Structures are given as C-alpha cells and as structure tokens.
C-alpha cells in the first residue's frame, strides 16, 4: 500500500487543483460597510457558458442596536447565504418596482449552519449576529454581482426600523 503525507493547504500547493478561502478568517480585498466587511469573489466556480459563481466571505460586527436604514436588491440574480458560526437576524422585503419598501420589511431568526436562498428582487442587507461579536457568512452568487446588479437604497429617516428579539 502506498502512503502519502497530508500537508497544510496553501494557495501555491493547491493551485493545480482549484482554489479555496477561509470563510472564518478571510483576508484580502474588502469592501467595508458600517458593521460589515465583504470579501468579493475570492473563489469562483464555472458553470455552463461564461458565467462564474463566486463564493465570497462576509463578516458582520454586532451593532449596539439592530437598526435597518437601507436595503439592496438584485434585478437579475438570486443570492445564497450560508450562516457559518452564529444564529442571525435577517431582514427582507418583497420585490418592488425600484422603490424602497421599508413598510413591508420582515425579520427572521436564522440558525447557524443554515443555507438561505434569496429570490431575485428581494430587498435585504447584512444579517445581524445574535450571540457572537462577529458573524461569518458565505455569500454565493455570480461573480461581480455587487458591481453590475446591486441597487442600494437608503430608507427615509422616518421609515428606519429597529429589530427586537
């Protein structure tokens, strides 16, 4: 029987086979938000045609209050979210005709380890951690959606929402 030695994975030694990202300790290019940091497209997966699916880590710091002041949606793309290390509160609202709809916003507690698929057009933004100081998520959607299919809208101040547990 032949024996082989397992070695720690690195970008260099794994390059011939694919790519990887540590979603619990991401590094590299980061798009910072108010309480979050999005690491765009470090791992992509080719699907039919030229489309690539990206696996992008997202870290979210626990705010003092869960206050919703804006939301985003994607016109042509759904979004997958894997809740890695904490239960989280996710806010969503149904699709609309390019007008922000804070009055239709709902909030859900999502258990850690859950994979959520958001339908195209659903209003959302970063979920909030329930227990941890930092929530780690893995966002799955086509490469560069954040640049070519992401509409972010601020709520009018009188329509801000505070989420309670």
C-alpha atoms as a PDB file:
ATOM      1  CA  UNK A   1       0.000   0.000   0.000  1.00  0.00           C
ATOM      2  CA  UNK A   2       1.345   3.407  -0.972  1.00  0.00           C
ATOM      3  CA  UNK A   3       1.460   6.081   1.713  1.00  0.00           C
ATOM      4  CA  UNK A   4       1.228   9.823   1.220  1.00  0.00           C
ATOM      5  CA  UNK A   5       1.710  12.617   3.733  1.00  0.00           C
ATOM      6  CA  UNK A   6      -1.007  15.211   4.248  1.00  0.00           C
ATOM      7  CA  UNK A   7       0.343  18.767   4.209  1.00  0.00           C
ATOM      8  CA  UNK A   8      -1.293  22.093   5.095  1.00  0.00           C
ATOM      9  CA  UNK A   9      -3.173  23.560   2.138  1.00  0.00           C
ATOM     10  CA  UNK A  10      -1.736  26.725   0.583  1.00  0.00           C
ATOM     11  CA  UNK A  11      -2.530  28.787  -2.492  1.00  0.00           C
ATOM     12  CA  UNK A  12       0.683  27.566  -4.082  1.00  0.00           C
ATOM     13  CA  UNK A  13       0.367  23.826  -3.436  1.00  0.00           C
ATOM     14  CA  UNK A  14      -3.358  23.676  -4.249  1.00  0.00           C
ATOM     15  CA  UNK A  15      -3.266  25.892  -7.396  1.00  0.00           C
ATOM     16  CA  UNK A  16      -3.222  22.911  -9.845  1.00  0.00           C
ATOM     17  CA  UNK A  17      -6.471  21.631  -8.296  1.00  0.00           C
ATOM     18  CA  UNK A  18      -8.532  24.737  -7.622  1.00  0.00           C
ATOM     19  CA  UNK A  19      -8.785  27.498  -5.052  1.00  0.00           C
ATOM     20  CA  UNK A  20     -10.069  27.994  -1.506  1.00  0.00           C
ATOM     21  CA  UNK A  21     -10.903  30.629   1.072  1.00  0.00           C
ATOM     22  CA  UNK A  22     -11.049  30.534   4.858  1.00  0.00           C
ATOM     23  CA  UNK A  23     -14.518  31.996   5.419  1.00  0.00           C
ATOM     24  CA  UNK A  24     -13.924  32.326   9.182  1.00  0.00           C
ATOM     25  CA  UNK A  25     -10.685  34.296   8.761  1.00  0.00           C
ATOM     26  CA  UNK A  26     -10.951  35.976   5.358  1.00  0.00           C
ATOM     27  CA  UNK A  27      -8.281  38.337   4.115  1.00  0.00           C
ATOM     28  CA  UNK A  28      -7.510  40.332   1.004  1.00  0.00           C
ATOM     29  CA  UNK A  29      -9.683  42.835  -0.782  1.00  0.00           C
ATOM     30  CA  UNK A  30     -12.526  44.012   1.447  1.00  0.00           C
ATOM     31  CA  UNK A  31     -15.488  46.315   0.796  1.00  0.00           C
ATOM     32  CA  UNK A  32     -16.095  47.766   4.259  1.00  0.00           C
ATOM     33  CA  UNK A  33     -19.599  48.625   5.435  1.00  0.00           C
ATOM     34  CA  UNK A  34     -20.827  50.207   8.629  1.00  0.00           C
ATOM     35  CA  UNK A  35     -20.676  46.947  10.613  1.00  0.00           C
ATOM     36  CA  UNK A  36     -19.545  44.571   7.870  1.00  0.00           C
ATOM     37  CA  UNK A  37     -16.730  43.637   5.528  1.00  0.00           C
ATOM     38  CA  UNK A  38     -17.466  41.901   2.184  1.00  0.00           C
ATOM     39  CA  UNK A  39     -14.624  39.978   0.510  1.00  0.00           C
ATOM     40  CA  UNK A  40     -15.650  39.795  -3.155  1.00  0.00           C
ATOM     41  CA  UNK A  41     -15.171  36.720  -5.318  1.00  0.00           C
ATOM     42  CA  UNK A  42     -12.067  35.022  -3.856  1.00  0.00           C
ATOM     43  CA  UNK A  43     -13.275  31.623  -5.098  1.00  0.00           C
ATOM     44  CA  UNK A  44     -15.296  31.135  -8.278  1.00  0.00           C
ATOM     45  CA  UNK A  45     -16.907  28.092  -9.847  1.00  0.00           C
ATOM     46  CA  UNK A  46     -17.513  27.864 -13.584  1.00  0.00           C
ATOM     47  CA  UNK A  47     -20.980  26.843 -14.679  1.00  0.00           C
ATOM     48  CA  UNK A  48     -22.373  26.489 -18.191  1.00  0.00           C
ATOM     49  CA  UNK A  49     -21.239  29.182 -20.599  1.00  0.00           C
ATOM     50  CA  UNK A  50     -19.055  32.009 -19.343  1.00  0.00           C
ATOM     51  CA  UNK A  51     -20.885  32.566 -16.049  1.00  0.00           C
ATOM     52  CA  UNK A  52     -18.930  32.016 -12.846  1.00  0.00           C
ATOM     53  CA  UNK A  53     -20.431  31.520  -9.402  1.00  0.00           C
ATOM     54  CA  UNK A  54     -18.482  33.290  -6.638  1.00  0.00           C
ATOM     55  CA  UNK A  55     -18.086  32.295  -3.002  1.00  0.00           C
ATOM     56  CA  UNK A  56     -17.468  35.494  -1.022  1.00  0.00           C
ATOM     57  CA  UNK A  57     -16.954  35.725   2.762  1.00  0.00           C
ATOM     58  CA  UNK A  58     -18.855  38.396   4.662  1.00  0.00           C
ATOM     59  CA  UNK A  59     -18.133  39.381   8.254  1.00  0.00           C
ATOM     60  CA  UNK A  60     -20.669  41.397  10.258  1.00  0.00           C
ATOM     61  CA  UNK A  61     -19.948  43.035  13.616  1.00  0.00           C
ATOM     62  CA  UNK A  62     -22.717  43.088  16.193  1.00  0.00           C
ATOM     63  CA  UNK A  63     -24.158  46.625  16.408  1.00  0.00           C
ATOM     64  CA  UNK A  64     -25.472  48.187  19.612  1.00  0.00           C
ATOM     65  CA  UNK A  65     -28.955  48.163  18.032  1.00  0.00           C
ATOM     66  CA  UNK A  66     -30.283  46.242  15.049  1.00  0.00           C
ATOM     67  CA  UNK A  67     -31.389  49.253  13.025  1.00  0.00           C
ATOM     68  CA  UNK A  68     -32.357  48.956   9.362  1.00  0.00           C
ATOM     69  CA  UNK A  69     -31.704  52.195   7.486  1.00  0.00           C
ATOM     70  CA  UNK A  70     -31.201  50.856   3.956  1.00  0.00           C
ATOM     71  CA  UNK A  71     -31.545  47.756   1.804  1.00  0.00           C
ATOM     72  CA  UNK A  72     -30.355  46.358  -1.509  1.00  0.00           C
ATOM     73  CA  UNK A  73     -31.727  44.068  -4.182  1.00  0.00           C
ATOM     74  CA  UNK A  74     -30.536  42.387  -7.410  1.00  0.00           C
ATOM     75  CA  UNK A  75     -32.594  42.647 -10.618  1.00  0.00           C
ATOM     76  CA  UNK A  76     -31.311  39.503 -12.354  1.00  0.00           C
ATOM     77  CA  UNK A  77     -29.766  37.414  -9.608  1.00  0.00           C
ATOM     78  CA  UNK A  78     -30.738  35.359  -6.593  1.00  0.00           C
ATOM     79  CA  UNK A  79     -28.348  35.109  -3.661  1.00  0.00           C
ATOM     80  CA  UNK A  80     -27.246  32.211  -1.478  1.00  0.00           C
ATOM     81  CA  UNK A  81     -26.160  32.819   2.117  1.00  0.00           C
ATOM     82  CA  UNK A  82     -24.535  30.238   4.407  1.00  0.00           C
ATOM     83  CA  UNK A  83     -24.722  31.226   8.097  1.00  0.00           C
ATOM     84  CA  UNK A  84     -21.488  29.777   9.430  1.00  0.00           C
ATOM     85  CA  UNK A  85     -20.907  30.405  13.124  1.00  0.00           C
ATOM     86  CA  UNK A  86     -23.866  32.109  14.776  1.00  0.00           C
ATOM     87  CA  UNK A  87     -27.618  32.400  14.672  1.00  0.00           C
ATOM     88  CA  UNK A  88     -28.533  35.620  12.914  1.00  0.00           C
ATOM     89  CA  UNK A  89     -31.354  38.060  12.315  1.00  0.00           C
ATOM     90  CA  UNK A  90     -32.060  38.655   8.635  1.00  0.00           C
ATOM     91  CA  UNK A  91     -34.350  41.371   7.330  1.00  0.00           C
ATOM     92  CA  UNK A  92     -36.093  41.097   3.958  1.00  0.00           C
ATOM     93  CA  UNK A  93     -38.874  42.747   1.987  1.00  0.00           C
ATOM     94  CA  UNK A  94     -40.615  41.554  -1.195  1.00  0.00           C
ATOM     95  CA  UNK A  95     -39.558  42.757  -4.649  1.00  0.00           C
ATOM     96  CA  UNK A  96     -40.884  46.105  -5.816  1.00  0.00           C
ATOM     97  CA  UNK A  97     -40.656  48.324  -8.888  1.00  0.00           C
ATOM     98  CA  UNK A  98     -37.359  50.013  -7.929  1.00  0.00           C
ATOM     99  CA  UNK A  99     -38.916  51.768  -4.953  1.00  0.00           C
ATOM    100  CA  UNK A 100     -37.724  51.054  -1.453  1.00  0.00           C
ATOM    101  CA  UNK A 101     -40.444  49.386   0.667  1.00  0.00           C
ATOM    102  CA  UNK A 102     -39.416  49.565   4.355  1.00  0.00           C
ATOM    103  CA  UNK A 103     -43.053  49.208   5.448  1.00  0.00           C
ATOM    104  CA  UNK A 104     -43.031  45.643   4.075  1.00  0.00           C
ATOM    105  CA  UNK A 105     -39.837  44.590   5.873  1.00  0.00           C
ATOM    106  CA  UNK A 106     -39.895  41.422   7.985  1.00  0.00           C
ATOM    107  CA  UNK A 107     -37.166  39.977  10.228  1.00  0.00           C
ATOM    108  CA  UNK A 108     -36.299  36.296  10.722  1.00  0.00           C
ATOM    109  CA  UNK A 109     -34.001  34.445  13.118  1.00  0.00           C
ATOM    110  CA  UNK A 110     -31.845  32.071  11.056  1.00  0.00           C
ATOM    111  CA  UNK A 111     -29.987  29.248  12.887  1.00  0.00           C
ATOM    112  CA  UNK A 112     -26.246  28.902  12.283  1.00  0.00           C
ATOM    113  CA  UNK A 113     -25.409  26.294   9.667  1.00  0.00           C
ATOM    114  CA  UNK A 114     -28.453  27.242   7.571  1.00  0.00           C
ATOM    115  CA  UNK A 115     -28.246  27.972   3.851  1.00  0.00           C
ATOM    116  CA  UNK A 116     -30.739  30.633   2.701  1.00  0.00           C
ATOM    117  CA  UNK A 117     -31.591  31.383  -0.913  1.00  0.00           C
ATOM    118  CA  UNK A 118     -32.972  34.862  -1.606  1.00  0.00           C
ATOM    119  CA  UNK A 119     -35.120  35.180  -4.701  1.00  0.00           C
ATOM    120  CA  UNK A 120     -34.284  37.740  -7.350  1.00  0.00           C
ATOM    121  CA  UNK A 121     -35.509  41.210  -6.393  1.00  0.00           C
ATOM    122  CA  UNK A 122     -35.848  40.590  -2.639  1.00  0.00           C
ATOM    123  CA  UNK A 123     -34.753  43.592  -0.554  1.00  0.00           C
ATOM    124  CA  UNK A 124     -32.119  42.708   2.071  1.00  0.00           C
ATOM    125  CA  UNK A 125     -28.799  43.735   3.598  1.00  0.00           C
ATOM    126  CA  UNK A 126     -26.318  42.187   6.015  1.00  0.00           C
ATOM    127  CA  UNK A 127     -27.834  39.978   8.727  1.00  0.00           C
ATOM    128  CA  UNK A 128     -27.030  40.707  12.381  1.00  0.00           C
ATOM    129  CA  UNK A 129     -25.314  38.247  14.771  1.00  0.00           C
ATOM    130  CA  UNK A 130     -27.438  37.067  17.693  1.00  0.00           C
ATOM    131  CA  UNK A 131     -24.735  35.812  20.113  1.00  0.00           C
ATOM    132  CA  UNK A 132     -21.248  36.482  18.726  1.00  0.00           C
ATOM    133  CA  UNK A 133     -19.445  39.779  18.357  1.00  0.00           C
ATOM    134  CA  UNK A 134     -18.763  38.864  14.709  1.00  0.00           C
ATOM    135  CA  UNK A 135     -20.953  36.803  12.361  1.00  0.00           C
ATOM    136  CA  UNK A 136     -19.269  34.942   9.482  1.00  0.00           C
ATOM    137  CA  UNK A 137     -21.287  34.246   6.348  1.00  0.00           C
ATOM    138  CA  UNK A 138     -20.542  32.871   2.908  1.00  0.00           C
ATOM    139  CA  UNK A 139     -22.305  34.692   0.058  1.00  0.00           C
ATOM    140  CA  UNK A 140     -22.879  32.676  -3.137  1.00  0.00           C
ATOM    141  CA  UNK A 141     -23.875  34.475  -6.344  1.00  0.00           C
ATOM    142  CA  UNK A 142     -22.462  35.143  -9.787  1.00  0.00           C
ATOM    143  CA  UNK A 143     -19.128  36.895  -9.914  1.00  0.00           C
ATOM    144  CA  UNK A 144     -19.230  40.716  -9.647  1.00  0.00           C
ATOM    145  CA  UNK A 145     -22.973  40.994  -8.960  1.00  0.00           C
ATOM    146  CA  UNK A 146     -22.072  43.593  -6.332  1.00  0.00           C
ATOM    147  CA  UNK A 147     -20.757  45.766  -9.215  1.00  0.00           C
ATOM    148  CA  UNK A 148     -23.261  45.146 -12.017  1.00  0.00           C
ATOM    149  CA  UNK A 149     -26.572  44.116 -10.399  1.00  0.00           C
ATOM    150  CA  UNK A 150     -26.837  45.671  -6.956  1.00  0.00           C
ATOM    151  CA  UNK A 151     -29.228  48.506  -6.184  1.00  0.00           C
ATOM    152  CA  UNK A 152     -28.746  50.010  -2.699  1.00  0.00           C
ATOM    153  CA  UNK A 153     -31.343  52.450  -1.366  1.00  0.00           C
ATOM    154  CA  UNK A 154     -31.450  54.449   1.852  1.00  0.00           C
ATOM    155  CA  UNK A 155     -34.726  54.469   3.786  1.00  0.00           C
ATOM    156  CA  UNK A 156     -36.284  57.838   4.587  1.00  0.00           C
ATOM    157  CA  UNK A 157     -35.343  58.562   8.220  1.00  0.00           C
ATOM    158  CA  UNK A 158     -38.972  58.366   9.339  1.00  0.00           C
ATOM    159  CA  UNK A 159     -39.058  54.764   7.998  1.00  0.00           C
ATOM    160  CA  UNK A 160     -35.988  53.449   9.879  1.00  0.00           C
ATOM    161  CA  UNK A 161     -36.700  50.117  11.601  1.00  0.00           C
ATOM    162  CA  UNK A 162     -35.352  48.734  14.870  1.00  0.00           C
ATOM    163  CA  UNK A 163     -35.415  44.939  15.096  1.00  0.00           C
ATOM    164  CA  UNK A 164     -36.046  43.362  18.509  1.00  0.00           C
ATOM    165  CA  UNK A 165     -35.506  39.764  19.548  1.00  0.00           C
END
